[in-house]
Every structure is written in structure tokens, then in C-alpha cells.
Amino acid sequence: MHRKPAAALSQISSITLVVLVALIALFLMARLRYAGKAPVTLWLLAIPQYPFLILGPASALLKPAPMWHSFYLPMILLSVAGLAHQCVSLLRPRWIWLPPTARLLTTVLYLVLVNYMLDAASHAPSGEWHPFVVLANSVPASGQEIRLLAIVNASILISLIAAWCGCCIAGLVQAWQLLRTLRRRTSHAGDVAMLRML
């Protein structure tokens, strides 16, 4: 049973919008962490069937914009790649170079993906802005709904910009960690060779 748009809109508070921004930011930043990839991947897979998981009560009024169709599969593939990397790291714990390398590669790929999302939202041949969410088909475009749409789209844009900045910082830190791991591995191999000579 669908609620009337005005009733659904009255349930959407500023706290809900803050939670929406936080969830999007947490999803994107969770991709930079080693643990927790399985729940995030399952959550991501459930979103098309249950838009409430990402839009909350606003899912009665809003739906994802068509631009998300081109980004959904790469997001799923990156999540599955993260799970595969965890499985390989579990099976081959002596491959100490794999975790920092995989984290850096995943971060770089997410940086590219977020950059494409920002470009897709801001550049259009006709010059208009492509929103991240649009009004659901059954919702009339009244003043309150248009305001809600603008707030949610602006919140998603801010979240993506924050995620892009976070990916940049994480990429620098992860590159440094990878270099440190490789340097330690190289110096350790030299120490073992010296001990064998003695």
C-alpha cells in the first residue's frame, strides 16, 4: 500500500536527510576498508529490490535517476573483487604484498568511478544538470517534492565530493603503505641472504 506523497513527505525530516548522506558516504568509504566487504556487497545487491535501504522513507517519493544504471555493475564488480581479494589473502597469508596492493588498486578504481559519477551528473550535451534521484512516476511535482528532490540531490553530490577527497587521501596513504611493505620485504630478503652466507 502506497502512502500519499504529502504523508510520506511529512515523515522525512532533516535527520533522515543527514542519515541518507551519512549512509552514502559510509558506503563509499567502506570500500576503502579491508573488513566488512560482504555486508556492504549484500546491501548493494539488495538496493534495486528494496530502495528503502538507501532512500529511507523518501523512497515513496523518489527513485534513482537513469544515470545509476551505468554505475551499478561497476560498483558490484568492485565489491566482488574486494571479497575475492579477502579470500585470497585468507588462503595465502604469506603474500604480504597482496593486501596493500589490492587496497590501493581498489581505491584507485573507486576514485575513477566516483569521478565518472561526478562528471555524469555535471556534464550533459544540452548543458542541464543530471540529478542523482528523480521523482517517482506517481508523484506530482509540487513545491515540497521539488524542494526535497533538490536537497537529496545536493546531499548526494556533497557525499560524492567527500568520497572523492577521501579516496585521494586514502590512495596516498595506501601507496605509502605499499612502498613500505615492499621495502621491508626487499630488506628482509637481503638479510636472509646474508645469514645464509654466514
N, C-alpha and C. Protein backbone atom coordinates (compact mmCIF):
# COMPACT_ATOMS: atom_id res chain seq x y z
N MET A 1 0.84 -1.17 0.00
CA MET A 1 0.00 0.00 0.00
C MET A 1 0.89 1.24 0.00
N HIS A 2 0.67 2.12 -0.97
CA HIS A 2 1.47 3.34 -1.08
C HIS A 2 0.80 4.46 -0.28
N ARG A 3 1.61 5.24 0.38
CA ARG A 3 1.12 6.39 1.09
C ARG A 3 0.96 7.55 0.12
N LYS A 4 0.19 8.50 0.52
CA LYS A 4 0.08 9.71 -0.28
C LYS A 4 1.40 10.46 -0.19
N PRO A 5 1.83 11.16 -1.24
CA PRO A 5 3.10 11.86 -1.22
C PRO A 5 3.22 12.85 -0.06
N ALA A 6 2.15 13.56 0.29
CA ALA A 6 2.23 14.54 1.37
C ALA A 6 2.49 13.85 2.71
N ALA A 7 1.87 12.68 2.92
CA ALA A 7 2.08 11.94 4.17
C ALA A 7 3.50 11.42 4.24
N ALA A 8 4.01 10.93 3.14
CA ALA A 8 5.38 10.42 3.13
C ALA A 8 6.37 11.56 3.32
N LEU A 9 6.08 12.71 2.72
CA LEU A 9 6.98 13.85 2.84
C LEU A 9 7.03 14.37 4.27
N SER A 10 5.93 14.29 4.98
CA SER A 10 5.92 14.79 6.35
C SER A 10 6.78 13.93 7.27
N GLN A 11 7.04 12.66 6.88
CA GLN A 11 7.88 11.78 7.69
C GLN A 11 9.36 12.00 7.44
N ILE A 12 9.70 12.70 6.40
CA ILE A 12 11.09 12.92 6.05
C ILE A 12 11.57 14.18 6.77
N SER A 13 12.47 13.99 7.68
CA SER A 13 12.98 15.12 8.46
C SER A 13 14.41 15.42 8.03
N SER A 14 14.95 16.46 8.60
CA SER A 14 16.33 16.79 8.30
C SER A 14 17.27 15.71 8.82
N ILE A 15 16.87 15.04 9.90
CA ILE A 15 17.69 13.94 10.42
C ILE A 15 17.76 12.81 9.40
N THR A 16 16.65 12.52 8.74
CA THR A 16 16.64 11.48 7.72
C THR A 16 17.58 11.83 6.57
N LEU A 17 17.59 13.10 6.19
CA LEU A 17 18.48 13.52 5.11
C LEU A 17 19.94 13.41 5.52
N VAL A 18 20.24 13.75 6.77
CA VAL A 18 21.60 13.61 7.28
C VAL A 18 22.00 12.14 7.29
N VAL A 19 21.07 11.26 7.68
CA VAL A 19 21.34 9.82 7.68
C VAL A 19 21.58 9.34 6.25
N LEU A 20 20.81 9.85 5.29
CA LEU A 20 21.00 9.48 3.89
C LEU A 20 22.40 9.85 3.42
N VAL A 21 22.83 11.06 3.70
CA VAL A 21 24.18 11.50 3.31
C VAL A 21 25.23 10.62 4.00
N ALA A 22 25.01 10.34 5.28
CA ALA A 22 25.97 9.51 6.02
C ALA A 22 26.04 8.10 5.45
N LEU A 23 24.90 7.52 5.07
CA LEU A 23 24.90 6.17 4.50
C LEU A 23 25.66 6.11 3.18
N ILE A 24 25.43 7.11 2.35
CA ILE A 24 26.14 7.13 1.06
C ILE A 24 27.64 7.30 1.29
N ALA A 25 28.00 8.21 2.17
CA ALA A 25 29.42 8.41 2.48
C ALA A 25 30.03 7.17 3.10
N LEU A 26 29.31 6.53 4.02
CA LEU A 26 29.82 5.30 4.64
C LEU A 26 29.98 4.19 3.62
N PHE A 27 29.03 4.07 2.69
CA PHE A 27 29.15 3.05 1.66
C PHE A 27 30.42 3.27 0.84
N LEU A 28 30.62 4.49 0.41
CA LEU A 28 31.79 4.76 -0.42
C LEU A 28 33.10 4.63 0.37
N MET A 29 33.08 5.06 1.62
CA MET A 29 34.29 4.96 2.42
C MET A 29 34.54 3.53 2.90
N ALA A 30 33.48 2.74 3.06
CA ALA A 30 33.65 1.35 3.48
C ALA A 30 34.41 0.56 2.42
N ARG A 31 34.35 1.01 1.21
CA ARG A 31 35.09 0.35 0.14
C ARG A 31 36.60 0.47 0.36
N LEU A 32 37.01 1.43 1.16
CA LEU A 32 38.43 1.65 1.39
C LEU A 32 38.95 0.82 2.56
N ARG A 33 38.09 0.14 3.24
CA ARG A 33 38.47 -0.66 4.40
C ARG A 33 38.63 -2.11 4.01
N TYR A 34 39.43 -2.81 4.76
CA TYR A 34 39.69 -4.21 4.49
C TYR A 34 38.52 -5.09 4.94
N ALA A 35 37.95 -4.81 6.10
CA ALA A 35 36.89 -5.65 6.65
C ALA A 35 35.52 -5.11 6.26
N GLY A 36 34.55 -5.97 6.32
CA GLY A 36 33.17 -5.56 6.12
C GLY A 36 32.71 -5.51 4.69
N LYS A 37 33.41 -6.14 3.78
CA LYS A 37 33.02 -6.07 2.38
C LYS A 37 31.79 -6.92 2.07
N ALA A 38 31.62 -8.05 2.76
CA ALA A 38 30.47 -8.92 2.49
C ALA A 38 29.15 -8.23 2.82
N PRO A 39 28.99 -7.62 4.00
CA PRO A 39 27.71 -6.96 4.28
C PRO A 39 27.44 -5.79 3.33
N VAL A 40 28.47 -5.05 2.98
CA VAL A 40 28.28 -3.93 2.06
C VAL A 40 27.88 -4.44 0.68
N THR A 41 28.49 -5.53 0.24
CA THR A 41 28.14 -6.11 -1.07
C THR A 41 26.70 -6.61 -1.06
N LEU A 42 26.29 -7.29 0.01
CA LEU A 42 24.90 -7.76 0.12
C LEU A 42 23.93 -6.59 0.14
N TRP A 43 24.27 -5.54 0.87
CA TRP A 43 23.43 -4.34 0.92
C TRP A 43 23.30 -3.73 -0.48
N LEU A 44 24.41 -3.66 -1.19
CA LEU A 44 24.41 -3.09 -2.53
C LEU A 44 23.56 -3.93 -3.49
N LEU A 45 23.64 -5.25 -3.35
CA LEU A 45 22.83 -6.13 -4.20
C LEU A 45 21.34 -6.00 -3.91
N ALA A 46 20.98 -5.67 -2.68
CA ALA A 46 19.57 -5.58 -2.29
C ALA A 46 18.92 -4.26 -2.68
N ILE A 47 19.69 -3.24 -2.96
CA ILE A 47 19.14 -1.90 -3.22
C ILE A 47 18.13 -1.86 -4.37
N PRO A 48 18.36 -2.51 -5.52
CA PRO A 48 17.35 -2.41 -6.59
C PRO A 48 15.98 -2.95 -6.18
N GLN A 49 15.95 -3.99 -5.38
CA GLN A 49 14.67 -4.56 -4.95
C GLN A 49 14.07 -3.80 -3.77
N TYR A 50 14.93 -3.21 -2.94
CA TYR A 50 14.48 -2.52 -1.73
C TYR A 50 15.11 -1.11 -1.68
N PRO A 51 14.59 -0.17 -2.47
CA PRO A 51 15.18 1.17 -2.48
C PRO A 51 15.09 1.87 -1.13
N PHE A 52 14.26 1.37 -0.23
CA PHE A 52 14.17 1.93 1.11
C PHE A 52 15.52 1.85 1.83
N LEU A 53 16.36 0.88 1.45
CA LEU A 53 17.66 0.70 2.10
C LEU A 53 18.58 1.90 1.90
N ILE A 54 18.37 2.63 0.84
CA ILE A 54 19.23 3.80 0.60
C ILE A 54 18.47 5.12 0.71
N LEU A 55 17.20 5.12 0.35
CA LEU A 55 16.44 6.36 0.38
C LEU A 55 15.56 6.50 1.61
N GLY A 56 15.41 5.45 2.38
CA GLY A 56 14.57 5.51 3.57
C GLY A 56 13.13 5.82 3.20
N PRO A 57 12.43 6.62 4.03
CA PRO A 57 11.03 6.95 3.73
C PRO A 57 10.87 7.74 2.43
N ALA A 58 11.94 8.36 1.98
CA ALA A 58 11.86 9.13 0.72
C ALA A 58 11.67 8.23 -0.49
N SER A 59 11.83 6.90 -0.33
CA SER A 59 11.66 6.00 -1.47
C SER A 59 10.22 5.98 -1.96
N ALA A 60 9.27 6.47 -1.15
CA ALA A 60 7.89 6.58 -1.60
C ALA A 60 7.74 7.71 -2.62
N LEU A 61 8.67 8.66 -2.58
CA LEU A 61 8.58 9.83 -3.46
C LEU A 61 9.64 9.86 -4.55
N LEU A 62 10.79 9.25 -4.26
CA LEU A 62 11.94 9.37 -5.16
C LEU A 62 12.35 8.01 -5.71
N LYS A 63 13.03 8.05 -6.83
CA LYS A 63 13.62 6.85 -7.39
C LYS A 63 14.98 7.22 -7.97
N PRO A 64 15.87 6.26 -8.11
CA PRO A 64 17.19 6.57 -8.67
C PRO A 64 17.06 7.07 -10.11
N ALA A 65 17.91 8.02 -10.45
CA ALA A 65 17.92 8.55 -11.81
C ALA A 65 18.50 7.51 -12.76
N PRO A 66 18.22 7.62 -14.05
CA PRO A 66 18.72 6.64 -15.03
C PRO A 66 20.25 6.53 -15.08
N MET A 67 20.96 7.58 -14.64
CA MET A 67 22.43 7.52 -14.70
C MET A 67 23.00 6.39 -13.86
N TRP A 68 22.27 5.95 -12.81
CA TRP A 68 22.78 4.90 -11.92
C TRP A 68 22.88 3.55 -12.61
N HIS A 69 22.12 3.34 -13.68
CA HIS A 69 22.18 2.06 -14.39
C HIS A 69 23.58 1.79 -14.93
N SER A 70 24.27 2.83 -15.34
CA SER A 70 25.62 2.62 -15.89
C SER A 70 26.68 2.46 -14.80
N PHE A 71 26.38 2.81 -13.55
CA PHE A 71 27.36 2.70 -12.48
C PHE A 71 27.12 1.53 -11.54
N TYR A 72 25.96 0.93 -11.61
CA TYR A 72 25.62 -0.14 -10.66
C TYR A 72 26.51 -1.37 -10.86
N LEU A 73 26.68 -1.83 -12.08
CA LEU A 73 27.50 -3.01 -12.33
C LEU A 73 28.97 -2.79 -11.93
N PRO A 74 29.61 -1.66 -12.27
CA PRO A 74 30.98 -1.47 -11.79
C PRO A 74 31.08 -1.45 -10.27
N MET A 75 30.08 -0.91 -9.59
CA MET A 75 30.10 -0.91 -8.13
C MET A 75 30.02 -2.34 -7.59
N ILE A 76 29.18 -3.15 -8.20
CA ILE A 76 29.06 -4.56 -7.79
C ILE A 76 30.37 -5.29 -8.06
N LEU A 77 30.95 -5.08 -9.23
CA LEU A 77 32.19 -5.78 -9.59
C LEU A 77 33.34 -5.40 -8.65
N LEU A 78 33.42 -4.13 -8.28
CA LEU A 78 34.46 -3.72 -7.33
C LEU A 78 34.23 -4.34 -5.95
N SER A 79 32.98 -4.46 -5.55
CA SER A 79 32.68 -5.11 -4.27
C SER A 79 33.06 -6.59 -4.30
N VAL A 80 32.73 -7.27 -5.39
CA VAL A 80 33.07 -8.69 -5.52
C VAL A 80 34.59 -8.86 -5.60
N ALA A 81 35.28 -7.96 -6.28
CA ALA A 81 36.75 -8.02 -6.33
C ALA A 81 37.34 -7.87 -4.93
N GLY A 82 36.75 -7.00 -4.12
CA GLY A 82 37.21 -6.85 -2.74
C GLY A 82 37.02 -8.13 -1.94
N LEU A 83 35.90 -8.81 -2.16
CA LEU A 83 35.67 -10.09 -1.48
C LEU A 83 36.67 -11.14 -1.95
N ALA A 84 36.95 -11.17 -3.25
CA ALA A 84 37.91 -12.13 -3.78
C ALA A 84 39.30 -11.88 -3.20
N HIS A 85 39.67 -10.62 -3.10
CA HIS A 85 40.98 -10.26 -2.52
C HIS A 85 41.06 -10.74 -1.07
N GLN A 86 39.97 -10.60 -0.32
CA GLN A 86 39.96 -11.08 1.07
C GLN A 86 40.12 -12.59 1.13
N CYS A 87 39.45 -13.29 0.24
CA CYS A 87 39.55 -14.77 0.23
C CYS A 87 40.97 -15.21 -0.11
N VAL A 88 41.58 -14.58 -1.09
CA VAL A 88 42.95 -14.94 -1.46
C VAL A 88 43.90 -14.62 -0.32
N SER A 89 43.71 -13.48 0.33
CA SER A 89 44.56 -13.12 1.48
C SER A 89 44.40 -14.12 2.61
N LEU A 90 43.21 -14.64 2.79
CA LEU A 90 42.97 -15.64 3.83
C LEU A 90 43.65 -16.97 3.49
N LEU A 91 43.60 -17.34 2.21
CA LEU A 91 44.20 -18.60 1.79
C LEU A 91 45.72 -18.52 1.64
N ARG A 92 46.23 -17.35 1.36
CA ARG A 92 47.67 -17.14 1.16
C ARG A 92 48.18 -16.03 2.07
N PRO A 93 48.26 -16.28 3.38
CA PRO A 93 48.67 -15.21 4.30
C PRO A 93 50.12 -14.78 4.13
N ARG A 94 50.93 -15.60 3.48
CA ARG A 94 52.34 -15.23 3.29
C ARG A 94 52.52 -14.19 2.18
N TRP A 95 51.50 -13.98 1.41
CA TRP A 95 51.57 -12.96 0.35
C TRP A 95 51.33 -11.59 0.99
N ILE A 96 52.32 -11.09 1.68
CA ILE A 96 52.14 -9.84 2.42
C ILE A 96 51.99 -8.62 1.50
N TRP A 97 52.38 -8.77 0.25
CA TRP A 97 52.26 -7.66 -0.69
C TRP A 97 50.83 -7.51 -1.21
N LEU A 98 50.01 -8.59 -1.11
CA LEU A 98 48.68 -8.56 -1.70
C LEU A 98 47.72 -7.57 -1.03
N PRO A 99 47.56 -7.58 0.30
CA PRO A 99 46.58 -6.64 0.89
C PRO A 99 46.83 -5.17 0.57
N PRO A 100 48.07 -4.66 0.73
CA PRO A 100 48.23 -3.23 0.39
C PRO A 100 48.08 -2.95 -1.11
N THR A 101 48.49 -3.90 -1.93
CA THR A 101 48.34 -3.71 -3.38
C THR A 101 46.87 -3.70 -3.78
N ALA A 102 46.11 -4.65 -3.25
CA ALA A 102 44.69 -4.73 -3.58
C ALA A 102 43.93 -3.52 -3.05
N ARG A 103 44.27 -3.07 -1.84
CA ARG A 103 43.60 -1.87 -1.30
C ARG A 103 43.88 -0.65 -2.16
N LEU A 104 45.12 -0.49 -2.58
CA LEU A 104 45.47 0.66 -3.41
C LEU A 104 44.76 0.58 -4.76
N LEU A 105 44.75 -0.60 -5.37
CA LEU A 105 44.08 -0.76 -6.66
C LEU A 105 42.58 -0.49 -6.54
N THR A 106 41.96 -1.02 -5.50
CA THR A 106 40.53 -0.78 -5.29
C THR A 106 40.25 0.70 -5.06
N THR A 107 41.08 1.35 -4.30
CA THR A 107 40.90 2.78 -4.04
C THR A 107 41.02 3.59 -5.33
N VAL A 108 42.00 3.25 -6.15
CA VAL A 108 42.17 3.97 -7.42
C VAL A 108 40.97 3.74 -8.33
N LEU A 109 40.47 2.50 -8.38
CA LEU A 109 39.31 2.21 -9.22
C LEU A 109 38.06 2.92 -8.70
N TYR A 110 37.89 2.98 -7.38
CA TYR A 110 36.76 3.73 -6.83
C TYR A 110 36.91 5.22 -7.08
N LEU A 111 38.12 5.73 -7.05
CA LEU A 111 38.36 7.14 -7.36
C LEU A 111 37.93 7.43 -8.80
N VAL A 112 38.28 6.55 -9.71
CA VAL A 112 37.88 6.72 -11.11
C VAL A 112 36.36 6.64 -11.24
N LEU A 113 35.73 5.68 -10.55
CA LEU A 113 34.28 5.52 -10.62
C LEU A 113 33.56 6.74 -10.07
N VAL A 114 33.98 7.24 -8.91
CA VAL A 114 33.35 8.42 -8.32
C VAL A 114 33.56 9.63 -9.24
N ASN A 115 34.73 9.73 -9.85
CA ASN A 115 34.98 10.83 -10.78
C ASN A 115 34.02 10.77 -11.97
N TYR A 116 33.79 9.56 -12.51
CA TYR A 116 32.84 9.42 -13.61
C TYR A 116 31.41 9.76 -13.15
N MET A 117 31.06 9.40 -11.92
CA MET A 117 29.73 9.75 -11.40
C MET A 117 29.56 11.26 -11.33
N LEU A 118 30.58 11.93 -10.83
CA LEU A 118 30.51 13.40 -10.74
C LEU A 118 30.45 14.02 -12.13
N ASP A 119 31.23 13.49 -13.07
CA ASP A 119 31.19 14.01 -14.44
C ASP A 119 29.83 13.77 -15.10
N ALA A 120 29.28 12.58 -14.88
CA ALA A 120 27.98 12.26 -15.49
C ALA A 120 26.88 13.16 -14.95
N ALA A 121 26.98 13.52 -13.69
CA ALA A 121 25.95 14.38 -13.10
C ALA A 121 26.09 15.84 -13.54
N SER A 122 27.30 16.26 -13.83
CA SER A 122 27.50 17.67 -14.12
C SER A 122 27.58 18.02 -15.60
N HIS A 123 27.87 17.06 -16.43
CA HIS A 123 28.02 17.37 -17.86
C HIS A 123 26.94 16.67 -18.68
N ALA A 124 26.27 17.45 -19.45
CA ALA A 124 25.27 16.92 -20.36
C ALA A 124 25.38 17.70 -21.67
N PRO A 125 25.06 17.06 -22.77
CA PRO A 125 25.16 17.77 -24.06
C PRO A 125 24.32 19.04 -24.10
N SER A 126 23.15 19.02 -23.47
CA SER A 126 22.29 20.20 -23.52
C SER A 126 22.62 21.21 -22.43
N GLY A 127 23.57 20.87 -21.55
CA GLY A 127 24.01 21.80 -20.53
C GLY A 127 23.25 21.70 -19.21
N GLU A 128 22.20 20.87 -19.15
CA GLU A 128 21.47 20.77 -17.88
C GLU A 128 22.18 19.80 -16.93
N TRP A 129 21.79 19.89 -15.68
CA TRP A 129 22.38 19.05 -14.64
C TRP A 129 21.57 17.78 -14.54
N HIS A 130 22.25 16.64 -14.53
CA HIS A 130 21.56 15.35 -14.39
C HIS A 130 21.50 15.00 -12.91
N PRO A 131 20.32 14.92 -12.36
CA PRO A 131 20.21 14.61 -10.93
C PRO A 131 20.51 13.14 -10.65
N PHE A 132 20.76 12.89 -9.37
CA PHE A 132 21.04 11.53 -8.90
C PHE A 132 19.74 10.77 -8.61
N VAL A 133 18.72 11.50 -8.16
CA VAL A 133 17.40 10.92 -7.95
C VAL A 133 16.37 11.80 -8.62
N VAL A 134 15.25 11.20 -8.99
CA VAL A 134 14.15 11.92 -9.63
C VAL A 134 12.86 11.56 -8.89
N LEU A 135 11.82 12.29 -9.15
CA LEU A 135 10.53 11.99 -8.54
C LEU A 135 9.99 10.67 -9.10
N ALA A 136 9.36 9.90 -8.25
CA ALA A 136 8.73 8.66 -8.69
C ALA A 136 7.62 9.00 -9.68
N ASN A 137 7.27 8.04 -10.52
CA ASN A 137 6.29 8.29 -11.58
C ASN A 137 4.94 8.75 -11.06
N SER A 138 4.53 8.27 -9.90
CA SER A 138 3.19 8.58 -9.39
C SER A 138 3.15 9.85 -8.54
N VAL A 139 4.28 10.53 -8.41
CA VAL A 139 4.34 11.70 -7.54
C VAL A 139 4.22 12.97 -8.37
N PRO A 140 3.23 13.81 -8.04
CA PRO A 140 3.12 15.09 -8.75
C PRO A 140 4.24 16.04 -8.30
N ALA A 141 4.67 16.89 -9.20
CA ALA A 141 5.78 17.81 -8.92
C ALA A 141 5.26 19.08 -8.26
N SER A 142 5.04 19.01 -6.95
CA SER A 142 4.62 20.20 -6.20
C SER A 142 5.85 20.85 -5.58
N GLY A 143 5.65 21.93 -4.90
CA GLY A 143 6.76 22.70 -4.32
C GLY A 143 7.56 21.91 -3.29
N GLN A 144 6.86 21.18 -2.39
CA GLN A 144 7.56 20.41 -1.37
C GLN A 144 8.38 19.28 -1.97
N GLU A 145 7.82 18.61 -2.94
CA GLU A 145 8.53 17.49 -3.57
C GLU A 145 9.76 17.97 -4.34
N ILE A 146 9.63 19.10 -5.01
CA ILE A 146 10.76 19.67 -5.75
C ILE A 146 11.87 20.08 -4.77
N ARG A 147 11.49 20.65 -3.63
CA ARG A 147 12.47 21.05 -2.62
C ARG A 147 13.18 19.81 -2.05
N LEU A 148 12.42 18.76 -1.76
CA LEU A 148 13.00 17.52 -1.28
C LEU A 148 13.97 16.95 -2.31
N LEU A 149 13.56 16.95 -3.56
CA LEU A 149 14.41 16.45 -4.64
C LEU A 149 15.72 17.23 -4.71
N ALA A 150 15.66 18.53 -4.60
CA ALA A 150 16.87 19.36 -4.65
C ALA A 150 17.78 19.08 -3.46
N ILE A 151 17.19 18.91 -2.27
CA ILE A 151 18.00 18.64 -1.07
C ILE A 151 18.70 17.29 -1.17
N VAL A 152 17.98 16.27 -1.60
CA VAL A 152 18.58 14.93 -1.71
C VAL A 152 19.66 14.92 -2.77
N ASN A 153 19.41 15.54 -3.92
CA ASN A 153 20.43 15.59 -4.97
C ASN A 153 21.68 16.35 -4.52
N ALA A 154 21.48 17.45 -3.82
CA ALA A 154 22.63 18.20 -3.30
C ALA A 154 23.38 17.38 -2.25
N SER A 155 22.66 16.65 -1.43
CA SER A 155 23.29 15.80 -0.40
C SER A 155 24.13 14.70 -1.04
N ILE A 156 23.61 14.09 -2.08
CA ILE A 156 24.37 13.04 -2.77
C ILE A 156 25.60 13.64 -3.44
N LEU A 157 25.46 14.81 -4.04
CA LEU A 157 26.60 15.46 -4.66
C LEU A 157 27.69 15.76 -3.63
N ILE A 158 27.31 16.28 -2.47
CA ILE A 158 28.28 16.57 -1.41
C ILE A 158 28.94 15.27 -0.93
N SER A 159 28.15 14.21 -0.81
CA SER A 159 28.71 12.91 -0.39
C SER A 159 29.72 12.39 -1.39
N LEU A 160 29.42 12.51 -2.67
CA LEU A 160 30.36 12.04 -3.69
C LEU A 160 31.64 12.87 -3.70
N ILE A 161 31.52 14.16 -3.51
CA ILE A 161 32.72 15.01 -3.45
C ILE A 161 33.57 14.63 -2.24
N ALA A 162 32.91 14.41 -1.09
CA ALA A 162 33.64 13.98 0.11
C ALA A 162 34.29 12.62 -0.10
N ALA A 163 33.59 11.71 -0.77
CA ALA A 163 34.16 10.38 -1.04
C ALA A 163 35.35 10.49 -1.99
N TRP A 164 35.27 11.39 -2.97
CA TRP A 164 36.39 11.59 -3.89
C TRP A 164 37.61 12.10 -3.13
N CYS A 165 37.40 13.07 -2.24
CA CYS A 165 38.51 13.58 -1.43
C CYS A 165 39.07 12.48 -0.53
N GLY A 166 38.19 11.68 0.07
CA GLY A 166 38.62 10.56 0.91
C GLY A 166 39.41 9.53 0.13
N CYS A 167 38.99 9.25 -1.10
CA CYS A 167 39.73 8.30 -1.94
C CYS A 167 41.12 8.84 -2.28
N CYS A 168 41.22 10.13 -2.53
CA CYS A 168 42.53 10.73 -2.81
C CYS A 168 43.47 10.58 -1.62
N ILE A 169 42.98 10.91 -0.44
CA ILE A 169 43.80 10.80 0.77
C ILE A 169 44.15 9.34 1.03
N ALA A 170 43.15 8.46 0.94
CA ALA A 170 43.39 7.04 1.18
C ALA A 170 44.38 6.47 0.17
N GLY A 171 44.30 6.90 -1.08
CA GLY A 171 45.23 6.43 -2.09
C GLY A 171 46.67 6.80 -1.77
N LEU A 172 46.88 8.02 -1.29
CA LEU A 172 48.23 8.43 -0.89
C LEU A 172 48.74 7.61 0.29
N VAL A 173 47.89 7.41 1.29
CA VAL A 173 48.30 6.62 2.46
C VAL A 173 48.57 5.17 2.05
N GLN A 174 47.71 4.61 1.23
CA GLN A 174 47.89 3.22 0.81
C GLN A 174 49.10 3.04 -0.09
N ALA A 175 49.42 4.03 -0.90
CA ALA A 175 50.64 3.95 -1.72
C ALA A 175 51.87 3.94 -0.82
N TRP A 176 51.85 4.78 0.21
CA TRP A 176 52.97 4.81 1.16
C TRP A 176 53.08 3.47 1.89
N GLN A 177 51.96 2.89 2.31
CA GLN A 177 51.98 1.59 2.99
C GLN A 177 52.49 0.49 2.08
N LEU A 178 52.11 0.53 0.81
CA LEU A 178 52.60 -0.47 -0.14
C LEU A 178 54.10 -0.35 -0.34
N LEU A 179 54.59 0.87 -0.49
CA LEU A 179 56.04 1.07 -0.65
C LEU A 179 56.79 0.61 0.59
N ARG A 180 56.24 0.89 1.76
CA ARG A 180 56.87 0.45 3.00
C ARG A 180 56.90 -1.08 3.09
N THR A 181 55.81 -1.73 2.70
CA THR A 181 55.75 -3.20 2.71
C THR A 181 56.76 -3.79 1.74
N LEU A 182 56.83 -3.23 0.54
CA LEU A 182 57.76 -3.74 -0.46
C LEU A 182 59.21 -3.51 -0.04
N ARG A 183 59.48 -2.36 0.57
CA ARG A 183 60.83 -2.06 1.06
C ARG A 183 61.23 -3.03 2.17
N ARG A 184 60.31 -3.28 3.09
CA ARG A 184 60.57 -4.20 4.19
C ARG A 184 60.81 -5.62 3.66
N ARG A 185 60.04 -5.99 2.65
CA ARG A 185 60.20 -7.33 2.06
C ARG A 185 61.54 -7.46 1.37
N THR A 186 61.97 -6.41 0.66
CA THR A 186 63.25 -6.42 -0.03
C THR A 186 64.41 -6.46 0.96
N SER A 187 64.32 -5.66 2.01
CA SER A 187 65.41 -5.65 3.00
C SER A 187 65.45 -6.97 3.77
N HIS A 188 64.30 -7.58 4.01
CA HIS A 188 64.25 -8.86 4.70
C HIS A 188 64.88 -9.95 3.84
N ALA A 189 64.64 -9.91 2.54
CA ALA A 189 65.25 -10.89 1.64
C ALA A 189 66.77 -10.76 1.63
N GLY A 190 67.27 -9.52 1.72
CA GLY A 190 68.72 -9.30 1.78
C GLY A 190 69.30 -9.81 3.08
N ASP A 191 68.61 -9.65 4.20
CA ASP A 191 69.06 -10.16 5.48
C ASP A 191 69.15 -11.68 5.48
N VAL A 192 68.18 -12.34 4.87
CA VAL A 192 68.17 -13.80 4.79
C VAL A 192 69.37 -14.27 3.96
N ALA A 193 69.65 -13.57 2.87
CA ALA A 193 70.80 -13.94 2.03
C ALA A 193 72.11 -13.78 2.79
N MET A 194 72.23 -12.72 3.60
CA MET A 194 73.44 -12.51 4.41
C MET A 194 73.61 -13.63 5.44
N LEU A 195 72.51 -14.03 6.07
CA LEU A 195 72.58 -15.09 7.07
C LEU A 195 73.00 -16.41 6.44
N ARG A 196 72.54 -16.66 5.23
CA ARG A 196 72.92 -17.91 4.55
C ARG A 196 74.42 -17.94 4.22
N MET A 197 74.96 -16.76 3.97
CA MET A 197 76.39 -16.69 3.65
C MET A 197 77.25 -16.97 4.88
N LEU A 198 76.73 -16.65 6.06
CA LEU A 198 77.49 -16.89 7.29
C LEU A 198 77.43 -18.33 7.61
